[in-house]
Amino acid sequence: MDVSPSSDFNECGSASAKALAAKLAALSHPARIEILKHLSGNRACCCKDVVQQLDLAQSTVSQHLKVLVEAGLVRFSAERQRSLYEIDREALAGISASVAGLVDTCCSSRPA
């Protein structure tokens, strides 16, 4: 995701701004941060594995995983009778680059 000053990121409501906002919104819950931390230490996990690591109900973890999948931060795959979840490292690296670009743009801009 390009966030250089010449990109459409500077426009309010641009596609790149909306995409970044959606991903950041998915990261805005502490349980989702913990889920990502757990997934980052494993190749792929089923929901049950995540539930065992967190003090949350299975239905709550499932909902958080759904949000992360919809935001494109976690990949979902069905394997027989299990659902597997895997962190999307490329997507998280993209968020990191976007936020770094945003900070650089904001910090390098001088008020009129």
N, C-alpha and C. Protein backbone atom coordinates (compact mmCIF):
# COMPACT_ATOMS: atom_id res chain seq x y z
N MET A 1 0.85 -1.17 0.00
CA MET A 1 0.00 0.00 0.00
C MET A 1 0.90 1.23 0.00
N ASP A 2 0.79 2.04 -1.01
CA ASP A 2 1.63 3.23 -1.16
C ASP A 2 1.01 4.39 -0.39
N VAL A 3 1.79 4.97 0.53
CA VAL A 3 1.30 6.13 1.28
C VAL A 3 2.24 7.31 1.10
N SER A 4 2.94 7.34 0.00
CA SER A 4 3.81 8.48 -0.27
C SER A 4 2.95 9.72 -0.49
N PRO A 5 3.52 10.90 -0.31
CA PRO A 5 2.74 12.13 -0.45
C PRO A 5 2.04 12.24 -1.80
N SER A 6 2.56 11.59 -2.83
CA SER A 6 1.94 11.68 -4.15
C SER A 6 0.81 10.67 -4.34
N SER A 7 0.63 9.77 -3.38
CA SER A 7 -0.42 8.76 -3.54
C SER A 7 -1.78 9.36 -3.20
N ASP A 8 -2.83 8.57 -3.45
CA ASP A 8 -4.18 9.06 -3.16
C ASP A 8 -4.50 8.97 -1.67
N PHE A 9 -3.53 8.60 -0.86
CA PHE A 9 -3.72 8.51 0.59
C PHE A 9 -4.07 9.87 1.18
N ASN A 10 -3.63 10.93 0.55
CA ASN A 10 -3.87 12.27 1.07
C ASN A 10 -5.32 12.72 0.87
N GLU A 11 -6.08 12.01 0.06
CA GLU A 11 -7.47 12.37 -0.17
C GLU A 11 -8.33 11.72 0.90
N CYS A 12 -9.25 12.48 1.46
CA CYS A 12 -10.15 11.95 2.47
C CYS A 12 -11.06 10.91 1.82
N GLY A 13 -11.10 9.74 2.39
CA GLY A 13 -11.97 8.70 1.87
C GLY A 13 -11.40 7.95 0.69
N SER A 14 -10.11 8.11 0.40
CA SER A 14 -9.51 7.37 -0.71
C SER A 14 -9.54 5.88 -0.42
N ALA A 15 -9.40 5.09 -1.46
CA ALA A 15 -9.42 3.64 -1.30
C ALA A 15 -8.31 3.17 -0.36
N SER A 16 -7.12 3.73 -0.50
CA SER A 16 -6.02 3.28 0.35
C SER A 16 -6.24 3.70 1.81
N ALA A 17 -6.82 4.87 2.02
CA ALA A 17 -7.11 5.31 3.39
C ALA A 17 -8.17 4.42 4.02
N LYS A 18 -9.18 4.08 3.25
CA LYS A 18 -10.24 3.20 3.77
C LYS A 18 -9.70 1.81 4.07
N ALA A 19 -8.84 1.29 3.20
CA ALA A 19 -8.26 -0.04 3.41
C ALA A 19 -7.41 -0.06 4.68
N LEU A 20 -6.59 0.96 4.85
CA LEU A 20 -5.75 1.04 6.05
C LEU A 20 -6.62 1.18 7.30
N ALA A 21 -7.63 2.02 7.24
CA ALA A 21 -8.52 2.21 8.39
C ALA A 21 -9.22 0.90 8.78
N ALA A 22 -9.63 0.12 7.80
CA ALA A 22 -10.30 -1.16 8.09
C ALA A 22 -9.34 -2.12 8.79
N LYS A 23 -8.11 -2.16 8.34
CA LYS A 23 -7.12 -3.04 8.96
C LYS A 23 -6.78 -2.57 10.37
N LEU A 24 -6.63 -1.27 10.54
CA LEU A 24 -6.33 -0.74 11.87
C LEU A 24 -7.51 -0.97 12.82
N ALA A 25 -8.73 -0.87 12.31
CA ALA A 25 -9.91 -1.13 13.14
C ALA A 25 -9.90 -2.58 13.64
N ALA A 26 -9.49 -3.49 12.77
CA ALA A 26 -9.42 -4.90 13.18
C ALA A 26 -8.37 -5.11 14.26
N LEU A 27 -7.36 -4.26 14.29
CA LEU A 27 -6.30 -4.37 15.30
C LEU A 27 -6.64 -3.63 16.59
N SER A 28 -7.79 -2.98 16.64
CA SER A 28 -8.11 -2.10 17.76
C SER A 28 -8.63 -2.81 19.00
N HIS A 29 -8.72 -4.11 18.98
CA HIS A 29 -9.21 -4.84 20.16
C HIS A 29 -8.06 -5.64 20.78
N PRO A 30 -7.89 -5.55 22.10
CA PRO A 30 -6.77 -6.25 22.75
C PRO A 30 -6.77 -7.77 22.50
N ALA A 31 -7.94 -8.38 22.44
CA ALA A 31 -8.00 -9.83 22.20
C ALA A 31 -7.45 -10.17 20.81
N ARG A 32 -7.71 -9.32 19.84
CA ARG A 32 -7.21 -9.58 18.49
C ARG A 32 -5.70 -9.45 18.43
N ILE A 33 -5.15 -8.51 19.20
CA ILE A 33 -3.70 -8.39 19.29
C ILE A 33 -3.11 -9.68 19.87
N GLU A 34 -3.73 -10.18 20.93
CA GLU A 34 -3.26 -11.43 21.55
C GLU A 34 -3.39 -12.61 20.59
N ILE A 35 -4.47 -12.65 19.84
CA ILE A 35 -4.65 -13.71 18.85
C ILE A 35 -3.55 -13.65 17.81
N LEU A 36 -3.24 -12.45 17.32
CA LEU A 36 -2.16 -12.31 16.34
C LEU A 36 -0.83 -12.74 16.92
N LYS A 37 -0.56 -12.39 18.16
CA LYS A 37 0.68 -12.81 18.81
C LYS A 37 0.76 -14.34 18.85
N HIS A 38 -0.34 -14.97 19.22
CA HIS A 38 -0.35 -16.43 19.29
C HIS A 38 -0.14 -17.04 17.90
N LEU A 39 -0.86 -16.52 16.92
CA LEU A 39 -0.74 -17.06 15.56
C LEU A 39 0.67 -16.85 15.00
N SER A 40 1.32 -15.77 15.39
CA SER A 40 2.65 -15.48 14.85
C SER A 40 3.68 -16.51 15.28
N GLY A 41 3.42 -17.21 16.36
CA GLY A 41 4.34 -18.24 16.85
C GLY A 41 4.06 -19.61 16.30
N ASN A 42 3.09 -19.71 15.42
CA ASN A 42 2.68 -21.01 14.88
C ASN A 42 2.47 -20.90 13.37
N ARG A 43 2.62 -22.01 12.70
CA ARG A 43 2.36 -22.01 11.25
C ARG A 43 0.87 -21.81 10.99
N ALA A 44 0.05 -22.61 11.62
CA ALA A 44 -1.41 -22.49 11.50
C ALA A 44 -2.03 -23.11 12.75
N CYS A 45 -3.16 -22.56 13.17
CA CYS A 45 -3.83 -23.04 14.38
C CYS A 45 -5.32 -23.18 14.11
N CYS A 46 -5.93 -24.07 14.85
CA CYS A 46 -7.40 -24.12 14.81
C CYS A 46 -7.91 -23.22 15.94
N CYS A 47 -9.16 -22.91 15.91
CA CYS A 47 -9.76 -22.02 16.90
C CYS A 47 -9.54 -22.56 18.31
N LYS A 48 -9.65 -23.87 18.46
CA LYS A 48 -9.47 -24.51 19.77
C LYS A 48 -8.09 -24.19 20.36
N ASP A 49 -7.06 -24.19 19.51
CA ASP A 49 -5.71 -23.87 19.98
C ASP A 49 -5.64 -22.45 20.53
N VAL A 50 -6.31 -21.52 19.86
CA VAL A 50 -6.30 -20.13 20.30
C VAL A 50 -7.10 -19.99 21.60
N VAL A 51 -8.23 -20.67 21.69
CA VAL A 51 -9.07 -20.62 22.89
C VAL A 51 -8.28 -21.09 24.11
N GLN A 52 -7.47 -22.13 23.93
CA GLN A 52 -6.68 -22.66 25.05
C GLN A 52 -5.64 -21.65 25.55
N GLN A 53 -5.23 -20.71 24.72
CA GLN A 53 -4.24 -19.71 25.10
C GLN A 53 -4.86 -18.46 25.73
N LEU A 54 -6.12 -18.22 25.45
CA LEU A 54 -6.78 -17.01 25.93
C LEU A 54 -7.91 -17.36 26.89
N ASP A 55 -8.23 -16.46 27.77
CA ASP A 55 -9.32 -16.66 28.72
C ASP A 55 -10.61 -16.11 28.13
N LEU A 56 -10.98 -16.67 26.97
CA LEU A 56 -12.18 -16.23 26.26
C LEU A 56 -12.97 -17.44 25.80
N ALA A 57 -14.27 -17.26 25.63
CA ALA A 57 -15.13 -18.33 25.13
C ALA A 57 -14.80 -18.62 23.67
N GLN A 58 -15.08 -19.83 23.25
CA GLN A 58 -14.82 -20.25 21.87
C GLN A 58 -15.56 -19.36 20.89
N SER A 59 -16.80 -19.00 21.21
CA SER A 59 -17.58 -18.16 20.30
C SER A 59 -16.97 -16.77 20.16
N THR A 60 -16.41 -16.25 21.24
CA THR A 60 -15.76 -14.94 21.21
C THR A 60 -14.51 -14.99 20.35
N VAL A 61 -13.69 -16.02 20.54
CA VAL A 61 -12.48 -16.18 19.73
C VAL A 61 -12.84 -16.33 18.26
N SER A 62 -13.88 -17.11 17.98
CA SER A 62 -14.32 -17.29 16.59
C SER A 62 -14.70 -15.96 15.95
N GLN A 63 -15.41 -15.12 16.70
CA GLN A 63 -15.82 -13.82 16.18
C GLN A 63 -14.60 -12.94 15.91
N HIS A 64 -13.65 -12.94 16.82
CA HIS A 64 -12.43 -12.15 16.63
C HIS A 64 -11.63 -12.66 15.43
N LEU A 65 -11.55 -13.97 15.27
CA LEU A 65 -10.86 -14.53 14.11
C LEU A 65 -11.56 -14.12 12.82
N LYS A 66 -12.87 -14.11 12.84
CA LYS A 66 -13.64 -13.70 11.67
C LYS A 66 -13.30 -12.27 11.27
N VAL A 67 -13.22 -11.37 12.25
CA VAL A 67 -12.88 -9.97 11.98
C VAL A 67 -11.49 -9.88 11.37
N LEU A 68 -10.54 -10.64 11.92
CA LEU A 68 -9.17 -10.61 11.40
C LEU A 68 -9.09 -11.17 9.98
N VAL A 69 -9.86 -12.20 9.70
CA VAL A 69 -9.90 -12.78 8.35
C VAL A 69 -10.51 -11.78 7.38
N GLU A 70 -11.63 -11.17 7.75
CA GLU A 70 -12.29 -10.20 6.88
C GLU A 70 -11.41 -8.99 6.59
N ALA A 71 -10.55 -8.64 7.54
CA ALA A 71 -9.64 -7.51 7.35
C ALA A 71 -8.41 -7.90 6.53
N GLY A 72 -8.27 -9.19 6.26
CA GLY A 72 -7.14 -9.65 5.46
C GLY A 72 -5.86 -9.82 6.25
N LEU A 73 -5.95 -9.88 7.55
CA LEU A 73 -4.76 -10.02 8.39
C LEU A 73 -4.46 -11.47 8.74
N VAL A 74 -5.47 -12.32 8.62
CA VAL A 74 -5.35 -13.75 8.92
C VAL A 74 -5.97 -14.51 7.77
N ARG A 75 -5.33 -15.61 7.40
CA ARG A 75 -5.87 -16.48 6.34
C ARG A 75 -6.61 -17.65 6.97
N PHE A 76 -7.69 -18.03 6.35
CA PHE A 76 -8.52 -19.14 6.79
C PHE A 76 -8.45 -20.26 5.77
N SER A 77 -8.33 -21.49 6.25
CA SER A 77 -8.43 -22.65 5.35
C SER A 77 -9.13 -23.78 6.09
N ALA A 78 -9.94 -24.48 5.35
CA ALA A 78 -10.67 -25.62 5.93
C ALA A 78 -9.87 -26.89 5.64
N GLU A 79 -9.61 -27.65 6.69
CA GLU A 79 -8.89 -28.91 6.55
C GLU A 79 -9.71 -29.99 7.22
N ARG A 80 -10.36 -30.78 6.42
CA ARG A 80 -11.28 -31.81 6.90
C ARG A 80 -12.32 -31.20 7.83
N GLN A 81 -12.29 -31.57 9.10
CA GLN A 81 -13.29 -31.07 10.03
C GLN A 81 -12.79 -29.90 10.87
N ARG A 82 -11.60 -29.39 10.54
CA ARG A 82 -11.04 -28.27 11.31
C ARG A 82 -10.90 -27.04 10.42
N SER A 83 -11.01 -25.91 11.05
CA SER A 83 -10.73 -24.65 10.38
C SER A 83 -9.37 -24.18 10.88
N LEU A 84 -8.48 -23.89 9.94
CA LEU A 84 -7.14 -23.44 10.32
C LEU A 84 -6.97 -21.96 10.03
N TYR A 85 -6.25 -21.29 10.91
CA TYR A 85 -6.00 -19.86 10.79
C TYR A 85 -4.49 -19.63 10.79
N GLU A 86 -4.06 -18.76 9.89
CA GLU A 86 -2.65 -18.46 9.76
C GLU A 86 -2.48 -16.96 9.56
N ILE A 87 -1.52 -16.40 10.25
CA ILE A 87 -1.27 -14.96 10.13
C ILE A 87 -0.79 -14.64 8.71
N ASP A 88 -1.23 -13.50 8.20
CA ASP A 88 -0.77 -13.05 6.88
C ASP A 88 0.33 -12.02 7.12
N ARG A 89 1.56 -12.49 7.11
CA ARG A 89 2.71 -11.64 7.44
C ARG A 89 2.88 -10.50 6.43
N GLU A 90 2.57 -10.78 5.18
CA GLU A 90 2.68 -9.74 4.15
C GLU A 90 1.70 -8.60 4.41
N ALA A 91 0.48 -8.96 4.82
CA ALA A 91 -0.52 -7.93 5.13
C ALA A 91 -0.09 -7.09 6.32
N LEU A 92 0.46 -7.73 7.35
CA LEU A 92 0.92 -6.98 8.52
C LEU A 92 2.11 -6.10 8.17
N ALA A 93 2.99 -6.57 7.31
CA ALA A 93 4.12 -5.75 6.86
C ALA A 93 3.60 -4.54 6.08
N GLY A 94 2.54 -4.74 5.31
CA GLY A 94 1.93 -3.63 4.58
C GLY A 94 1.36 -2.58 5.50
N ILE A 95 0.73 -3.00 6.59
CA ILE A 95 0.21 -2.06 7.58
C ILE A 95 1.37 -1.27 8.20
N SER A 96 2.42 -1.97 8.53
CA SER A 96 3.58 -1.32 9.13
C SER A 96 4.14 -0.25 8.20
N ALA A 97 4.27 -0.59 6.92
CA ALA A 97 4.79 0.37 5.94
C ALA A 97 3.83 1.55 5.77
N SER A 98 2.54 1.26 5.77
CA SER A 98 1.55 2.33 5.61
C SER A 98 1.57 3.30 6.78
N VAL A 99 1.63 2.76 7.98
CA VAL A 99 1.66 3.62 9.17
C VAL A 99 2.97 4.41 9.20
N ALA A 100 4.08 3.77 8.84
CA ALA A 100 5.35 4.48 8.80
C ALA A 100 5.29 5.62 7.77
N GLY A 101 4.69 5.35 6.61
CA GLY A 101 4.54 6.38 5.59
C GLY A 101 3.65 7.52 6.06
N LEU A 102 2.58 7.18 6.76
CA LEU A 102 1.69 8.20 7.30
C LEU A 102 2.41 9.08 8.31
N VAL A 103 3.15 8.46 9.21
CA VAL A 103 3.90 9.22 10.22
C VAL A 103 4.94 10.11 9.54
N ASP A 104 5.64 9.55 8.57
CA ASP A 104 6.64 10.35 7.85
C ASP A 104 5.99 11.55 7.16
N THR A 105 4.85 11.32 6.51
CA THR A 105 4.14 12.40 5.83
C THR A 105 3.67 13.46 6.82
N CYS A 106 3.11 13.02 7.91
CA CYS A 106 2.60 13.97 8.91
C CYS A 106 3.72 14.74 9.60
N CYS A 107 4.82 14.06 9.87
CA CYS A 107 5.92 14.70 10.59
C CYS A 107 6.76 15.60 9.68
N SER A 108 6.75 15.31 8.39
CA SER A 108 7.56 16.14 7.48
C SER A 108 6.78 17.34 6.95
N SER A 109 5.47 17.33 7.11
CA SER A 109 4.65 18.46 6.66
C SER A 109 4.79 19.62 7.64
N ARG A 110 4.90 20.80 7.08
CA ARG A 110 4.99 22.00 7.91
C ARG A 110 3.70 22.78 7.78
N PRO A 111 3.14 23.20 8.90
CA PRO A 111 1.90 23.99 8.84
C PRO A 111 2.13 25.32 8.11
N ALA A 112 1.09 25.77 7.44
CA ALA A 112 1.18 27.04 6.68
C ALA A 112 1.24 28.24 7.58
